[in-house]
């Protein structure tokens, strides 16, 4: 089956000196930067990360999506996280600014 049908998930875990295993960076809590993050995933998947989701772009063949996030508040690399999976996306009916990503 597809990755979504198999329930595939991946997530990062921000320990000092491990962020560089996920993306090129200065891997220290003392180095603050703003970030532009892009994650290209299978079209059935959703990438959730820090910052504001600016855009989601589907490839020409509709097999993959790229999620574009911007984190404009200076943040250290170990505090950057990503979770990717076939999430069901639910908006809280009472607090519309809250979104749940459910496996």
Foldseek 3Di string as FASTA:
>chain_A
DDQQVVFDKDKDQQDQPCLCVVPNDDRDQVFWDKDKDKDKDFLLKDKDWDADFDDWDADPVRGIIMTIGTGGGTGHSSPIMMMMTNFDWDAPPVDRVDIDTHD
